[in-house]
Protein backbone atom coordinates (compact mmCIF):
# COMPACT_ATOMS: atom_id res chain seq x y z
CA UNK A 1 -110.55 114.72 -144.82
CA UNK A 2 -109.92 115.96 -141.41
CA UNK A 3 -107.83 113.70 -139.24
CA UNK A 4 -109.53 112.47 -136.14
CA UNK A 5 -107.24 111.87 -133.22
CA UNK A 6 -108.61 109.21 -130.85
CA UNK A 7 -107.41 109.20 -127.30
CA UNK A 8 -106.92 105.75 -125.83
CA UNK A 9 -106.83 104.91 -122.15
CA UNK A 10 -103.58 103.76 -120.68
CA UNK A 11 -103.34 99.99 -120.47
CA UNK A 12 -103.17 99.89 -116.72
CA UNK A 13 -105.60 97.93 -114.58
CA UNK A 14 -108.04 100.18 -112.87
CA UNK A 15 -107.17 98.78 -109.46
CA UNK A 16 -103.58 99.87 -109.89
CA UNK A 17 -104.27 103.47 -110.76
CA UNK A 18 -103.77 106.25 -108.33
CA UNK A 19 -106.86 108.15 -107.29
CA UNK A 20 -107.08 111.54 -105.85
CA UNK A 21 -108.32 112.08 -102.35
CA UNK A 22 -111.45 113.76 -103.71
CA UNK A 23 -112.20 110.77 -105.94
CA UNK A 24 -111.80 108.39 -103.02
CA UNK A 25 -113.92 110.62 -100.83
CA UNK A 26 -116.59 110.66 -103.53
CA UNK A 27 -116.46 106.89 -103.75
CA UNK A 28 -116.38 106.52 -99.97
CA UNK A 29 -113.16 104.48 -100.03
CA UNK A 30 -110.83 107.06 -98.57
CA UNK A 31 -108.61 106.13 -95.66
CA UNK A 32 -106.15 108.46 -94.10
CA UNK A 33 -103.30 106.07 -94.89
CA UNK A 34 -104.33 105.61 -98.49
CA UNK A 35 -102.27 108.47 -99.63
CA UNK A 36 -99.19 106.90 -98.23
CA UNK A 37 -99.83 103.24 -99.13
CA UNK A 38 -100.21 102.42 -102.82
CA UNK A 39 -103.10 100.12 -103.60
CA UNK A 40 -100.77 97.56 -105.21
CA UNK A 41 -98.90 97.20 -101.93
CA UNK A 42 -102.20 96.75 -100.09
CA UNK A 43 -103.11 93.93 -102.39
CA UNK A 44 -99.77 92.24 -101.87
CA UNK A 45 -100.06 92.61 -98.11
CA UNK A 46 -103.52 91.13 -98.26
CA UNK A 47 -102.21 88.16 -100.17
CA UNK A 48 -99.42 87.69 -97.66
CA UNK A 49 -101.90 87.80 -94.77
CA UNK A 50 -104.10 85.25 -96.51
CA UNK A 51 -101.11 82.98 -97.11
CA UNK A 52 -99.95 83.30 -93.47
CA UNK A 53 -103.45 82.53 -92.21
CA UNK A 54 -103.66 79.52 -94.49
CA UNK A 55 -100.27 78.29 -93.29
CA UNK A 56 -101.33 78.66 -89.66
CA UNK A 57 -104.52 76.77 -90.34
CA UNK A 58 -102.53 74.09 -92.14
CA UNK A 59 -100.11 73.79 -89.20
CA UNK A 60 -103.00 73.55 -86.73
CA UNK A 61 -104.75 70.97 -88.86
CA UNK A 62 -101.47 69.07 -89.23
CA UNK A 63 -100.91 69.14 -85.46
CA UNK A 64 -104.44 68.02 -84.83
CA UNK A 65 -104.06 65.33 -87.45
CA UNK A 66 -100.82 64.22 -85.89
CA UNK A 67 -102.51 64.07 -82.48
CA UNK A 68 -105.37 62.12 -83.95
CA UNK A 69 -102.95 59.74 -85.63
CA UNK A 70 -100.99 59.37 -82.40
CA UNK A 71 -104.24 58.78 -80.58
CA UNK A 72 -105.23 56.09 -83.04
CA UNK A 73 -101.74 54.58 -82.76
CA UNK A 74 -101.96 54.60 -78.94
CA UNK A 75 -105.43 53.06 -79.00
CA UNK A 76 -104.15 50.43 -81.40
CA UNK A 77 -101.10 49.75 -79.21
CA UNK A 78 -103.19 49.69 -76.04
CA UNK A 79 -105.63 47.34 -77.71
CA UNK A 80 -102.78 45.09 -78.81
CA UNK A 81 -101.16 45.23 -75.35
CA UNK A 82 -104.51 44.59 -73.72
CA UNK A 83 -105.09 41.71 -76.08
CA UNK A 84 -101.67 40.23 -75.26
CA UNK A 85 -102.27 40.83 -71.56
CA UNK A 86 -105.66 39.16 -71.77
CA UNK A 87 -104.06 36.21 -73.53
CA UNK A 88 -101.80 35.79 -70.49
CA UNK A 89 -104.31 36.70 -67.79
CA UNK A 90 -107.14 34.55 -69.08
CA UNK A 91 -105.31 31.21 -68.59
CA UNK A 92 -103.92 32.50 -65.27
CA UNK A 93 -107.39 33.38 -63.98
CA UNK A 94 -108.66 30.03 -65.17
CA UNK A 95 -105.79 28.20 -63.41
CA UNK A 96 -106.43 30.10 -60.17
CA UNK A 97 -110.14 29.37 -60.41
CA UNK A 98 -109.50 25.66 -60.90
CA UNK A 99 -107.03 25.62 -58.00
CA UNK A 100 -109.51 27.37 -55.73
CA UNK A 101 -112.29 24.96 -56.67
CA UNK A 102 -110.00 21.99 -55.99
CA UNK A 103 -108.86 23.33 -52.61
CA UNK A 104 -112.39 24.24 -51.56
CA UNK A 105 -113.58 20.74 -52.48
CA UNK A 106 -110.77 19.14 -50.47
CA UNK A 107 -111.47 21.40 -47.51
CA UNK A 108 -115.18 20.66 -47.65
CA UNK A 109 -114.43 16.93 -47.50
CA UNK A 110 -112.06 17.44 -44.56
CA UNK A 111 -114.53 19.51 -42.58
CA UNK A 112 -117.21 16.88 -43.18
CA UNK A 113 -114.85 14.15 -41.98
CA UNK A 114 -113.95 16.17 -38.88
CA UNK A 115 -117.62 16.64 -38.01
CA UNK A 116 -118.27 12.94 -38.50
CA UNK A 117 -115.28 11.77 -36.45
CA UNK A 118 -116.00 14.28 -33.67
CA UNK A 119 -119.48 12.86 -33.17
CA UNK A 120 -118.19 9.27 -33.06
CA UNK A 121 -117.50 7.29 -29.94
CA UNK A 122 -113.91 6.28 -30.79
CA UNK A 123 -112.29 9.66 -30.19
CA UNK A 124 -110.62 10.50 -26.89
CA UNK A 125 -111.39 14.23 -27.13
CA UNK A 126 -113.37 15.49 -24.09
CA UNK A 127 -116.96 16.61 -24.65
CA UNK A 128 -116.38 19.78 -22.64
CA UNK A 129 -113.07 21.58 -22.23
CA UNK A 130 -111.83 22.46 -18.78
CA UNK A 131 -110.77 26.05 -18.12
CA UNK A 132 -107.14 24.91 -18.32
CA UNK A 133 -107.69 23.22 -21.68
CA UNK A 134 -109.56 26.23 -23.03
CA UNK A 135 -106.77 28.56 -21.87
CA UNK A 136 -104.18 26.44 -23.68
CA UNK A 137 -106.33 26.39 -26.81
CA UNK A 138 -106.89 30.16 -26.86
CA UNK A 139 -103.17 30.79 -26.28
CA UNK A 140 -102.40 28.89 -29.51
CA UNK A 141 -104.84 30.87 -31.67
CA UNK A 142 -103.27 34.02 -33.13
CA UNK A 143 -105.52 36.83 -34.34
CA UNK A 144 -105.23 39.43 -37.09
CA UNK A 145 -107.98 41.96 -36.35
CA UNK A 146 -107.22 44.05 -39.43
CA UNK A 147 -107.88 41.20 -41.89
CA UNK A 148 -110.29 39.40 -39.56
CA UNK A 149 -108.77 35.96 -39.40
CA UNK A 150 -107.62 33.66 -36.59
CA UNK A 151 -104.94 31.01 -37.04
CA UNK A 152 -104.30 28.05 -34.76
CA UNK A 153 -100.58 27.31 -34.89
CA UNK A 154 -99.42 23.68 -34.96
CA UNK A 155 -95.59 23.45 -34.68
CA UNK A 156 -93.85 21.59 -37.51
CA UNK A 157 -96.85 22.17 -39.82
CA UNK A 158 -95.97 25.37 -41.73
CA UNK A 159 -96.29 27.44 -38.55
CA UNK A 160 -93.08 29.44 -39.12
CA UNK A 161 -94.33 30.75 -42.48
CA UNK A 162 -97.79 31.61 -41.21
CA UNK A 163 -96.45 33.36 -38.12
CA UNK A 164 -94.16 35.42 -40.37
CA UNK A 165 -97.21 36.40 -42.43
CA UNK A 166 -99.10 37.30 -39.26
CA UNK A 167 -96.36 39.64 -38.06
CA UNK A 168 -96.46 41.44 -41.41
CA UNK A 169 -100.23 41.48 -41.95
CA UNK A 170 -100.84 42.65 -38.37
CA UNK A 171 -98.38 45.47 -39.15
CA UNK A 172 -96.23 45.00 -36.07
CA UNK A 173 -94.02 48.16 -36.16
CA UNK A 174 -90.84 46.22 -35.48
CA UNK A 175 -91.22 44.26 -38.74
CA UNK A 176 -92.86 46.85 -40.96
CA UNK A 177 -89.78 47.31 -43.20
CA UNK A 178 -88.16 43.93 -42.69
CA UNK A 179 -87.99 41.21 -45.31
CA UNK A 180 -90.67 38.67 -44.37
CA UNK A 181 -88.33 35.70 -44.84
CA UNK A 182 -85.80 37.16 -42.39
CA UNK A 183 -88.31 37.61 -39.56
CA UNK A 184 -87.78 35.34 -36.57
CA UNK A 185 -91.38 34.63 -35.56
CA UNK A 186 -90.99 32.45 -32.49
CA UNK A 187 -90.97 35.12 -29.80
CA UNK A 188 -94.65 34.62 -29.15
CA UNK A 189 -95.16 37.80 -27.08
CA UNK A 190 -95.33 39.76 -30.35
CA UNK A 191 -98.66 38.23 -31.37
CA UNK A 192 -102.24 39.08 -30.56
CA UNK A 193 -103.87 35.96 -29.17
CA UNK A 194 -107.38 34.83 -28.50
CA UNK A 195 -106.39 34.44 -24.85
CA UNK A 196 -105.82 38.22 -24.66
CA UNK A 197 -109.56 38.79 -25.04
CA UNK A 198 -112.37 38.29 -22.57
CA UNK A 199 -114.70 35.33 -23.11
CA UNK A 200 -117.40 37.19 -25.06
CA UNK A 201 -114.91 38.90 -27.40
CA UNK A 202 -113.04 35.63 -27.93
CA UNK A 203 -116.25 33.82 -28.86
CA UNK A 204 -117.16 36.68 -31.19
CA UNK A 205 -113.83 36.31 -32.97
CA UNK A 206 -114.37 32.57 -33.40
CA UNK A 207 -117.84 33.24 -34.75
CA UNK A 208 -117.14 36.20 -37.06
CA UNK A 209 -113.50 35.84 -38.18
CA UNK A 210 -112.15 33.39 -40.75
CA UNK A 211 -110.57 30.59 -38.72
CA UNK A 212 -108.03 28.11 -40.03
CA UNK A 213 -105.16 25.81 -39.13
CA UNK A 214 -102.63 23.55 -40.85
CA UNK A 215 -102.01 19.96 -39.78
CA UNK A 216 -99.50 17.29 -40.75
CA UNK A 217 -99.19 13.54 -40.70
CA UNK A 218 -98.66 13.03 -36.93
CA UNK A 219 -95.80 10.54 -37.20
CA UNK A 220 -93.91 12.51 -39.85
CA UNK A 221 -94.36 15.57 -37.64
CA UNK A 222 -93.02 13.58 -34.67
CA UNK A 223 -89.87 12.62 -36.59
CA UNK A 224 -89.48 16.15 -37.95
CA UNK A 225 -89.50 17.55 -34.40
CA UNK A 226 -86.69 15.17 -33.37
CA UNK A 227 -84.64 16.01 -36.47
CA UNK A 228 -85.07 19.76 -35.93
CA UNK A 229 -84.62 19.95 -32.16
CA UNK A 230 -82.10 17.22 -31.45
CA UNK A 231 -80.12 16.60 -34.64
CA UNK A 232 -79.50 19.89 -36.49
CA UNK A 233 -75.98 20.91 -35.50
CA UNK A 234 -76.31 24.16 -37.48
CA UNK A 235 -78.83 25.36 -34.89
CA UNK A 236 -77.00 23.99 -31.87
CA UNK A 237 -75.79 27.37 -30.59
CA UNK A 238 -78.92 29.39 -31.29
CA UNK A 239 -80.32 30.67 -27.98
CA UNK A 240 -83.78 29.11 -28.34
CA UNK A 241 -82.24 25.74 -29.19
CA UNK A 242 -79.77 25.94 -26.30
CA UNK A 243 -82.72 26.48 -23.94
CA UNK A 244 -84.54 23.58 -25.56
CA UNK A 245 -81.56 21.24 -25.16
CA UNK A 246 -81.10 22.23 -21.55
CA UNK A 247 -84.77 21.79 -20.74
CA UNK A 248 -85.45 18.57 -22.64
CA UNK A 249 -82.14 17.14 -23.83
CA UNK A 250 -80.68 16.86 -20.33
CA UNK A 251 -83.89 15.32 -19.02
CA UNK A 252 -83.85 12.67 -21.77
CA UNK A 253 -80.17 11.84 -21.21
CA UNK A 254 -80.59 11.44 -17.48
CA UNK A 255 -83.58 9.17 -17.83
CA UNK A 256 -82.83 7.12 -20.94
CA UNK A 257 -79.05 7.15 -21.55
CA UNK A 258 -77.02 4.61 -19.60
CA UNK A 259 -73.89 6.70 -19.51
CA UNK A 260 -72.87 10.18 -20.57
CA UNK A 261 -70.06 12.64 -19.97
CA UNK A 262 -70.43 15.94 -18.14
CA UNK A 263 -69.87 17.75 -21.42
CA UNK A 264 -72.68 15.79 -23.10
CA UNK A 265 -75.04 16.53 -20.24
CA UNK A 266 -74.17 20.23 -20.27
CA UNK A 267 -74.97 20.42 -23.96
CA UNK A 268 -78.04 18.16 -23.82
CA UNK A 269 -77.40 17.47 -27.47
CA UNK A 270 -77.62 15.42 -29.65
CA UNK A 271 -80.31 12.92 -28.69
CA UNK A 272 -80.68 9.60 -30.54
CA UNK A 273 -84.02 8.65 -32.10
CA UNK A 274 -84.34 5.66 -29.76
CA UNK A 275 -83.90 7.91 -26.71
CA UNK A 276 -86.39 10.36 -28.17
CA UNK A 277 -89.06 7.68 -28.70
CA UNK A 278 -88.42 6.30 -25.21
CA UNK A 279 -89.09 9.78 -23.87
CA UNK A 280 -92.24 10.37 -25.96
CA UNK A 281 -93.80 7.02 -25.07
CA UNK A 282 -93.12 7.55 -21.35
CA UNK A 283 -95.96 10.08 -21.04
CA UNK A 284 -99.18 8.96 -19.42
CA UNK A 285 -101.08 12.08 -20.56
CA UNK A 286 -100.46 13.73 -23.96
CA UNK A 287 -101.45 17.13 -22.55
CA UNK A 288 -98.19 17.15 -20.62
CA UNK A 289 -96.17 16.99 -23.85
CA UNK A 290 -94.26 19.85 -25.46
CA UNK A 291 -96.14 21.61 -28.28
CA UNK A 292 -93.75 20.22 -30.91
CA UNK A 293 -94.93 16.64 -30.43
CA UNK A 294 -98.27 16.98 -28.69
CA UNK A 295 -101.12 15.83 -31.01
CA UNK A 296 -102.60 18.56 -33.23
CA UNK A 297 -106.09 17.69 -32.00
CA UNK A 298 -104.98 18.56 -28.47
CA UNK A 299 -103.53 21.89 -29.63
CA UNK A 300 -106.37 23.18 -31.83
CA UNK A 301 -109.37 21.16 -30.60
CA UNK A 302 -111.18 20.75 -33.96
CA UNK A 303 -114.08 19.07 -32.15
CA UNK A 304 -114.66 22.27 -30.16
CA UNK A 305 -113.73 24.98 -32.67
CA UNK A 306 -115.51 25.05 -36.02
CA UNK A 307 -112.67 25.97 -38.35
CA UNK A 308 -113.48 27.44 -41.75
CA UNK A 309 -110.39 25.84 -43.25
CA UNK A 310 -108.11 22.96 -42.28
CA UNK A 311 -105.05 22.88 -44.49
CA UNK A 312 -102.51 20.12 -44.85
CA UNK A 313 -98.76 20.63 -44.65
CA UNK A 314 -98.28 18.05 -47.41
CA UNK A 315 -100.08 20.42 -49.80
CA UNK A 316 -98.98 23.67 -48.14
CA UNK A 317 -98.01 25.60 -51.28
CA UNK A 318 -101.33 25.25 -53.12
CA UNK A 319 -103.51 25.58 -50.04
CA UNK A 320 -101.56 28.48 -48.52
CA UNK A 321 -101.69 30.40 -51.80
CA UNK A 322 -105.44 29.82 -51.85
CA UNK A 323 -105.70 31.35 -48.35
CA UNK A 324 -103.43 34.28 -49.23
CA UNK A 325 -105.77 35.06 -52.11
CA UNK A 326 -108.89 34.61 -50.02
CA UNK A 327 -107.65 36.72 -47.11
CA UNK A 328 -106.21 39.43 -49.40
CA UNK A 329 -102.67 39.14 -48.09
CA UNK A 330 -100.84 39.59 -51.42
CA UNK A 331 -99.15 42.82 -50.32
CA UNK A 332 -97.36 41.03 -47.50
CA UNK A 333 -96.35 37.77 -49.12
CA UNK A 334 -93.89 37.41 -52.04
CA UNK A 335 -94.42 34.93 -54.84
CA UNK A 336 -93.31 31.36 -54.13
CA UNK A 337 -93.13 32.05 -50.40
CA UNK A 338 -94.43 28.53 -49.78
CA UNK A 339 -92.57 25.61 -51.37
CA UNK A 340 -93.69 22.22 -52.58
CA UNK A 341 -93.20 19.49 -49.97
CA UNK A 342 -91.13 16.49 -51.02
CA UNK A 343 -91.24 12.90 -49.78
CA UNK A 344 -87.84 12.70 -48.07
CA UNK A 345 -89.21 13.35 -44.55
CA UNK A 346 -91.93 10.79 -45.08
CA UNK A 347 -89.52 8.14 -46.27
CA UNK A 348 -87.15 8.84 -43.38
CA UNK A 349 -90.02 8.48 -40.91
CA UNK A 350 -90.92 5.07 -42.37
CA UNK A 351 -87.36 3.78 -41.91
CA UNK A 352 -86.99 5.11 -38.35
CA UNK A 353 -90.40 4.07 -37.04
CA UNK A 354 -90.35 0.56 -38.48
CA UNK A 355 -87.40 -0.26 -36.23
CA UNK A 356 -88.98 0.58 -32.87
CA UNK A 357 -90.54 -2.06 -30.64
CA UNK A 358 -94.13 -3.23 -31.03
CA UNK A 359 -94.99 -1.92 -27.59
CA UNK A 360 -93.81 1.57 -28.45
CA UNK A 361 -95.67 1.43 -31.76
CA UNK A 362 -98.92 0.68 -29.94
CA UNK A 363 -98.25 3.57 -27.55
CA UNK A 364 -97.78 5.94 -30.50
CA UNK A 365 -101.05 4.71 -32.00
CA UNK A 366 -102.81 5.47 -28.72
CA UNK A 367 -101.34 8.99 -28.64
CA UNK A 368 -101.94 9.94 -32.27
CA UNK A 369 -105.00 7.95 -33.31
CA UNK A 370 -107.29 11.00 -33.02
CA UNK A 371 -105.03 13.02 -35.33
CA UNK A 372 -105.03 10.17 -37.83
CA UNK A 373 -108.80 9.61 -37.71
CA UNK A 374 -109.94 13.25 -37.66
CA UNK A 375 -107.46 14.58 -40.24
CA UNK A 376 -107.34 11.51 -42.47
CA UNK A 377 -103.89 9.92 -42.00
CA UNK A 378 -102.82 6.28 -41.86
CA UNK A 379 -100.52 5.35 -38.96
CA UNK A 380 -100.01 1.81 -40.27
CA UNK A 381 -98.13 3.19 -43.26
CA UNK A 382 -95.26 3.85 -40.84
CA UNK A 383 -95.78 1.34 -38.06
CA UNK A 384 -96.80 -1.71 -40.08
CA UNK A 385 -99.21 -2.97 -37.44
C-alpha cells in the first residue's frame, strides 16, 4: 500500500505569521511600516496603549472622586460649622431682640411722660424760646450728617463717650486712626453743630435726622460735677481743669470761704462740698449756670425738641448699645465700650445732700424739679423733704 504523506500546518497562530507584501496588498492591510514592524509587536504596543489609557482614565476618575469626596467633606464641615454657628447666633439674636424691645418700650414710656409733663402747668419751661435760648440749644446739639443723627450733649451724662463716637463716626481726619478711647473729645470746635446751619437747614435736621440725648438723675449729676471738677487731684494740672479752677474755683473761694492763702486762691482748688452748694444755690437764674450743673431740661429743651430717643445714664450700657446697633455705628465702637453703672455715686450723693440746710434743699428742688418731673426722677430720695 502506498504511503500517503500528509502535510500539516505549523502550529502557529495565524495572527503571528509573517505575510508577504503582495498578500497584504491583496488583503488591503498593507502599511508601509508593516515590513519593519512585526505584527506581534503591534499587538503588544496596542495592549500597552490600552493599559496606559485605562490608567489615565483611572487617575482622572480617582482625582474627580477625590474632589467629589473633598467637596462632600467640605459641605459636611461647612454644614457642621454653620450649625454650630447658628447654635451660637440664634440665642445672641434672640437676646439682642429682647434687649431692643425692652429699650424701645422704656423709651416709649419716657417720651410719653415728657409729652405729658411738657403740656402741664407745673413746669417752668418757657412756651417759646428766645433767640438767645435757641442759640444755646443749637450749640449743644452735635450733628453727624453721614449717619444722619443729632445728639444733644448733657455733661456728666455719658457725654464723653458719645462725643468720642461722634468724632469717629463723623470721620474727623485728626482721629481717623486713633484709638477711640484715647480721644480727648472736649475741644468742641471739632464738632459739627446745629448752630452752624441756617434756620431752615437746622429745622430740617431736627425733622429728618434721628435725634437723641442722655440724661441723669439731676442731684447725682450735681454731685458728680463737684467730685470731677473740684476734688480729683489726678486732673488738677490738666489744662482744661486749671482753667476751670481759675474761672470758678477762685470765684467760689472769694465769695464763700472765710479765709484762704494766696497759694490756695491761685490754685482755686480744691473746693469743699459746702462751698460748692453755697455757690450753686446763689444763682437767681439757672440759665446763668455752667453747663456741668445747669438742668438738663435747660440744655436740651425736651419740651421744644421732639427727641426720638431719651436715654438714661443709669442704664447707659444697654441703651447705648441699642443706639449703636440702630445707627449702624459698629465699625467705630469696640465691644464693651460702655460700662455698667454702679450705685456708689448715688449713695455718696445721698450722704452729702442729706447734710445741707433745709433752705438749700428747697432751692435745689426749685432748680431741678423740671428735670425730675420730665425725666422721671425723685429728688426726695436725696433730700428727704
